[in-house]
Amino acid sequence: MLLNKNKAFELINLLNKLIKNPKTSLKYRNQFTLLTSVVLSAQCTDVNVNNVTKNIYKKYYTPKHFADLGINKIRNLIKSIGLFNNKAKNLYYLSKILLERHQSKVPNKFEELINLPGVGRKTANVVLNAAFNKPTIAVDTHVFRVSNRTGLSNGKNPEQVENQLLKILPKKHIKKAHHLILLHGRYICRARNPLCKKCVINKICLYKEKNE
């Protein structure tokens, strides 16, 4: 069962009133370092990524910097982050491609972003949203869980959830909907022991196991 558009509007409006200035918690210096941080954040907390990159970005913050470093030096810089071997390779080759094909600039088109190493649908949407102010919705585990619990979506995969959210949510809230839903999932609608009694959307939410 899904919420109708009026209920979806009410739900997102309540979250919007509660959560002020929703935005990514990743720290970055420019569009390239945002892209780098989002790639690093796969299966890793934003806090951990920020702790690692705060010193890196003081010295290395362009595609040329990372291309010049090479895979081994990048690996040593990010070795406290999960999946650092693959991520080091992705960041190196991603930087080379940006240098050689995009004049060292991060593309502002979805199709070009997802062709970069280590960049999937979620990463591309986060970058388009945060770096280029585009109305995209990135579906991570929090957004996927909350959307399906509340009745905003019944999608079986992130792309289905994304498409359903784009259809049901009010256009004026699309750009920040990802952050509103993500933050709600991170702090209230948690995977285990959701805080339903503290939830501002409890009466609208269709989650069958919620605590009234």
Foldseek 3Di string as FASTA:
>chain_A
DADALVLQQVQLVLLPVVDDPFADPADADALQRLLLLLLLCVVHDSVLSNVLCVVVCVPDHFLVSLLVCDLVNQLVSNVVGPPSNQSSVQSNQLSVCCVPPVVRDDDLDLVVQCVRRSDDNLSNQNSNLHRVVDLFARDDPQLVVQCCQQRLAVDPDRVRSRVSNVVRYDPVCRSCSNRSSNVCQVPAVDPPPHNLVPDPSNVRGPHPPGDD
